[in-house]
């Protein structure tokens, strides 16, 4: 979530244990001011749900990348600026515009494609229920569906006989 990302500080990354602590979020809310009209205000608060407060293991390659940028300062990212940067990156890469939240869906889908345990993935995403992850965040491609169906070859009579037929054709039985 963009609010969780923007609320991260260097102290939330535990290089020793290789984990990231998500414990806060940044929200920009409308604030009514009698003299100045409508204004917005940035608030730092607890994450969306109890399960959103989580410890996420980070892959070694990401930890090494982050070490190169580690700083002593503890500032927050401004959500609007983060969104503007994201849109510029998409445009520069020649990609169509997508919401920032689309990254969570893409991440979830790629993780499932790589064989992630769905319960672990659900907890990494901060979902209280695994059904939220599988129903709303994972979008399997036709290639993944085909790959899954091809696994049936290993348990089917036709698939088991397939290897035997090859041996008979080549004369190596």
Protein backbone atom coordinates (compact mmCIF):
# COMPACT_ATOMS: atom_id res chain seq x y z
CA UNK A 1 0.00 0.00 0.00
CA UNK A 2 1.32 3.42 -0.87
CA UNK A 3 0.66 4.79 2.61
CA UNK A 4 2.67 1.97 4.16
CA UNK A 5 5.52 2.49 1.71
CA UNK A 6 5.65 6.24 2.33
CA UNK A 7 5.66 5.72 6.10
CA UNK A 8 8.72 3.43 6.03
CA UNK A 9 11.90 4.71 7.58
CA UNK A 10 15.39 3.23 7.62
CA UNK A 11 14.87 2.03 11.18
CA UNK A 12 12.03 -0.19 9.87
CA UNK A 13 14.53 -2.24 7.87
CA UNK A 14 16.35 -4.73 10.09
CA UNK A 15 19.44 -5.62 8.07
CA UNK A 16 20.65 -8.11 10.69
CA UNK A 17 17.52 -10.26 10.55
CA UNK A 18 16.72 -9.42 6.92
CA UNK A 19 13.23 -8.15 7.69
CA UNK A 20 11.07 -5.09 7.18
CA UNK A 21 8.62 -3.90 9.86
CA UNK A 22 5.36 -2.36 8.62
CA UNK A 23 3.86 -0.55 11.60
CA UNK A 24 2.49 2.73 10.29
CA UNK A 25 0.89 4.39 7.31
CA UNK A 26 0.64 7.91 5.94
CA UNK A 27 -2.73 9.31 4.92
CA UNK A 28 -3.53 12.61 3.22
CA UNK A 29 -6.94 13.78 4.36
CA UNK A 30 -9.16 16.76 3.61
CA UNK A 31 -9.17 19.35 6.35
CA UNK A 32 -11.80 22.05 6.54
CA UNK A 33 -10.41 25.45 7.54
CA UNK A 34 -12.87 28.34 7.93
CA UNK A 35 -10.32 30.98 6.90
CA UNK A 36 -8.42 29.08 4.20
CA UNK A 37 -11.08 26.78 2.77
CA UNK A 38 -10.36 23.14 2.05
CA UNK A 39 -6.81 22.02 2.72
CA UNK A 40 -5.17 18.65 3.02
CA UNK A 41 -3.21 17.33 5.94
CA UNK A 42 -0.74 14.45 6.16
CA UNK A 43 -1.30 12.10 9.10
CA UNK A 44 0.85 9.23 10.27
CA UNK A 45 -1.21 6.48 11.86
CA UNK A 46 -1.43 2.76 12.47
CA UNK A 47 -1.88 0.47 9.45
CA UNK A 48 -5.30 -0.32 8.00
CA UNK A 49 -5.87 -3.51 10.05
CA UNK A 50 -4.13 -5.50 12.79
CA UNK A 51 -2.84 -7.94 10.17
CA UNK A 52 -1.38 -4.99 8.23
CA UNK A 53 1.07 -4.51 11.11
CA UNK A 54 3.59 -7.12 10.02
CA UNK A 55 7.18 -8.29 9.67
CA UNK A 56 8.19 -9.06 6.09
CA UNK A 57 11.30 -11.13 5.25
CA UNK A 58 13.35 -9.47 2.51
CA UNK A 59 15.37 -11.32 -0.14
CA UNK A 60 19.14 -10.94 0.14
CA UNK A 61 19.46 -9.17 -3.19
CA UNK A 62 17.05 -6.45 -2.03
CA UNK A 63 18.87 -6.06 1.29
CA UNK A 64 22.17 -5.58 -0.56
CA UNK A 65 20.55 -3.02 -2.86
CA UNK A 66 19.11 -1.10 0.11
CA UNK A 67 22.44 -1.09 1.96
CA UNK A 68 23.84 1.08 -0.85
CA UNK A 69 21.27 3.79 -0.13
CA UNK A 70 21.03 3.57 3.65
CA UNK A 71 21.04 6.95 5.37
CA UNK A 72 20.95 8.20 8.90
CA UNK A 73 18.10 10.64 8.26
CA UNK A 74 14.60 9.47 9.12
CA UNK A 75 12.24 11.30 6.79
CA UNK A 76 8.95 10.16 5.30
CA UNK A 77 7.98 10.08 1.63
CA UNK A 78 5.09 12.33 0.69
CA UNK A 79 2.36 10.21 -0.94
CA UNK A 80 1.60 12.72 -3.72
CA UNK A 81 5.27 13.00 -4.65
CA UNK A 82 5.62 9.23 -4.62
CA UNK A 83 2.65 8.89 -6.99
CA UNK A 84 4.05 11.54 -9.34
CA UNK A 85 7.41 9.72 -9.45
CA UNK A 86 5.64 6.41 -10.10
CA UNK A 87 3.71 7.91 -13.03
CA UNK A 88 6.93 9.34 -14.49
CA UNK A 89 8.61 5.94 -14.24
CA UNK A 90 5.70 4.28 -16.05
CA UNK A 91 5.78 6.89 -18.80
CA UNK A 92 9.56 6.69 -19.22
CA UNK A 93 9.31 2.90 -19.47
CA UNK A 94 6.63 3.22 -22.15
CA UNK A 95 4.02 1.52 -19.98
CA UNK A 96 0.37 2.46 -19.79
CA UNK A 97 -0.89 4.22 -16.70
CA UNK A 98 -1.89 2.00 -13.77
CA UNK A 99 -2.78 2.78 -10.20
CA UNK A 100 -0.04 2.30 -7.64
CA UNK A 101 -2.16 -0.40 -6.03
CA UNK A 102 -1.80 -2.47 -9.21
CA UNK A 103 1.74 -3.26 -8.03
CA UNK A 104 0.28 -5.29 -5.15
CA UNK A 105 -1.83 -7.34 -7.56
CA UNK A 106 1.15 -7.91 -9.86
CA UNK A 107 3.35 -8.89 -6.92
CA UNK A 108 0.75 -11.38 -5.65
CA UNK A 109 0.28 -12.90 -9.10
CA UNK A 110 4.03 -13.30 -9.72
CA UNK A 111 4.51 -14.84 -6.27
CA UNK A 112 1.85 -17.47 -6.98
CA UNK A 113 3.44 -18.13 -10.38
CA UNK A 114 6.72 -18.79 -8.57
CA UNK A 115 5.06 -21.26 -6.20
CA UNK A 116 4.69 -19.15 -3.05
CA UNK A 117 2.72 -20.66 -0.22
CA UNK A 118 -0.62 -18.75 -0.36
CA UNK A 119 -0.83 -18.33 3.43
CA UNK A 120 2.65 -16.79 3.61
CA UNK A 121 1.84 -14.51 0.70
CA UNK A 122 -1.38 -13.42 2.40
CA UNK A 123 0.53 -12.48 5.55
CA UNK A 124 3.23 -10.65 3.57
CA UNK A 125 0.52 -8.57 1.91
CA UNK A 126 -1.06 -7.88 5.30
CA UNK A 127 -4.37 -9.57 4.59
CA UNK A 128 -6.40 -10.88 7.51
CA UNK A 129 -7.84 -13.64 5.34
CA UNK A 130 -6.17 -15.80 2.70
CA UNK A 131 -9.38 -15.60 0.63
CA UNK A 132 -8.79 -11.87 0.11
CA UNK A 133 -5.41 -12.64 -1.40
CA UNK A 134 -6.56 -15.44 -3.67
CA UNK A 135 -9.90 -13.94 -4.70
CA UNK A 136 -8.92 -10.30 -5.21
CA UNK A 137 -5.15 -10.14 -5.75
CA UNK A 138 -4.04 -13.17 -7.73
CA UNK A 139 -4.77 -13.10 -11.46
CA UNK A 140 -3.34 -16.24 -13.06
CA UNK A 141 -2.39 -16.04 -16.71
CA UNK A 142 -3.44 -18.61 -19.30
CA UNK A 143 0.19 -19.80 -19.36
CA UNK A 144 0.11 -20.50 -15.61
CA UNK A 145 -3.21 -22.32 -15.97
CA UNK A 146 -1.74 -24.42 -18.78
CA UNK A 147 1.35 -25.19 -16.71
CA UNK A 148 -0.87 -26.32 -13.83
CA UNK A 149 -2.94 -28.54 -16.12
CA UNK A 150 0.23 -30.04 -17.65
CA UNK A 151 1.12 -31.30 -14.16
CA UNK A 152 -1.71 -33.81 -14.57
CA UNK A 153 0.50 -35.66 -17.04
CA UNK A 154 2.53 -36.95 -14.10
CA UNK A 155 -0.49 -38.60 -12.50
CA UNK A 156 -2.53 -39.62 -15.53
CA UNK A 157 -2.44 -43.00 -17.22
CA UNK A 158 -1.63 -41.29 -20.52
CA UNK A 159 1.24 -39.34 -19.04
CA UNK A 160 2.69 -42.39 -17.29
CA UNK A 161 2.46 -44.43 -20.50
CA UNK A 162 3.96 -41.62 -22.54
CA UNK A 163 7.46 -42.44 -21.33
CA UNK A 164 6.94 -46.15 -22.03
CA UNK A 165 5.79 -45.41 -25.59
CA UNK A 166 8.98 -43.46 -26.26
CA UNK A 167 11.07 -46.39 -25.05
CA UNK A 168 9.18 -48.81 -27.34
CA UNK A 169 9.64 -46.52 -30.37
CA UNK A 170 13.38 -46.17 -29.86
CA UNK A 171 13.85 -49.86 -29.06
CA UNK A 172 15.29 -49.21 -25.61
CA UNK A 173 12.98 -51.07 -23.27
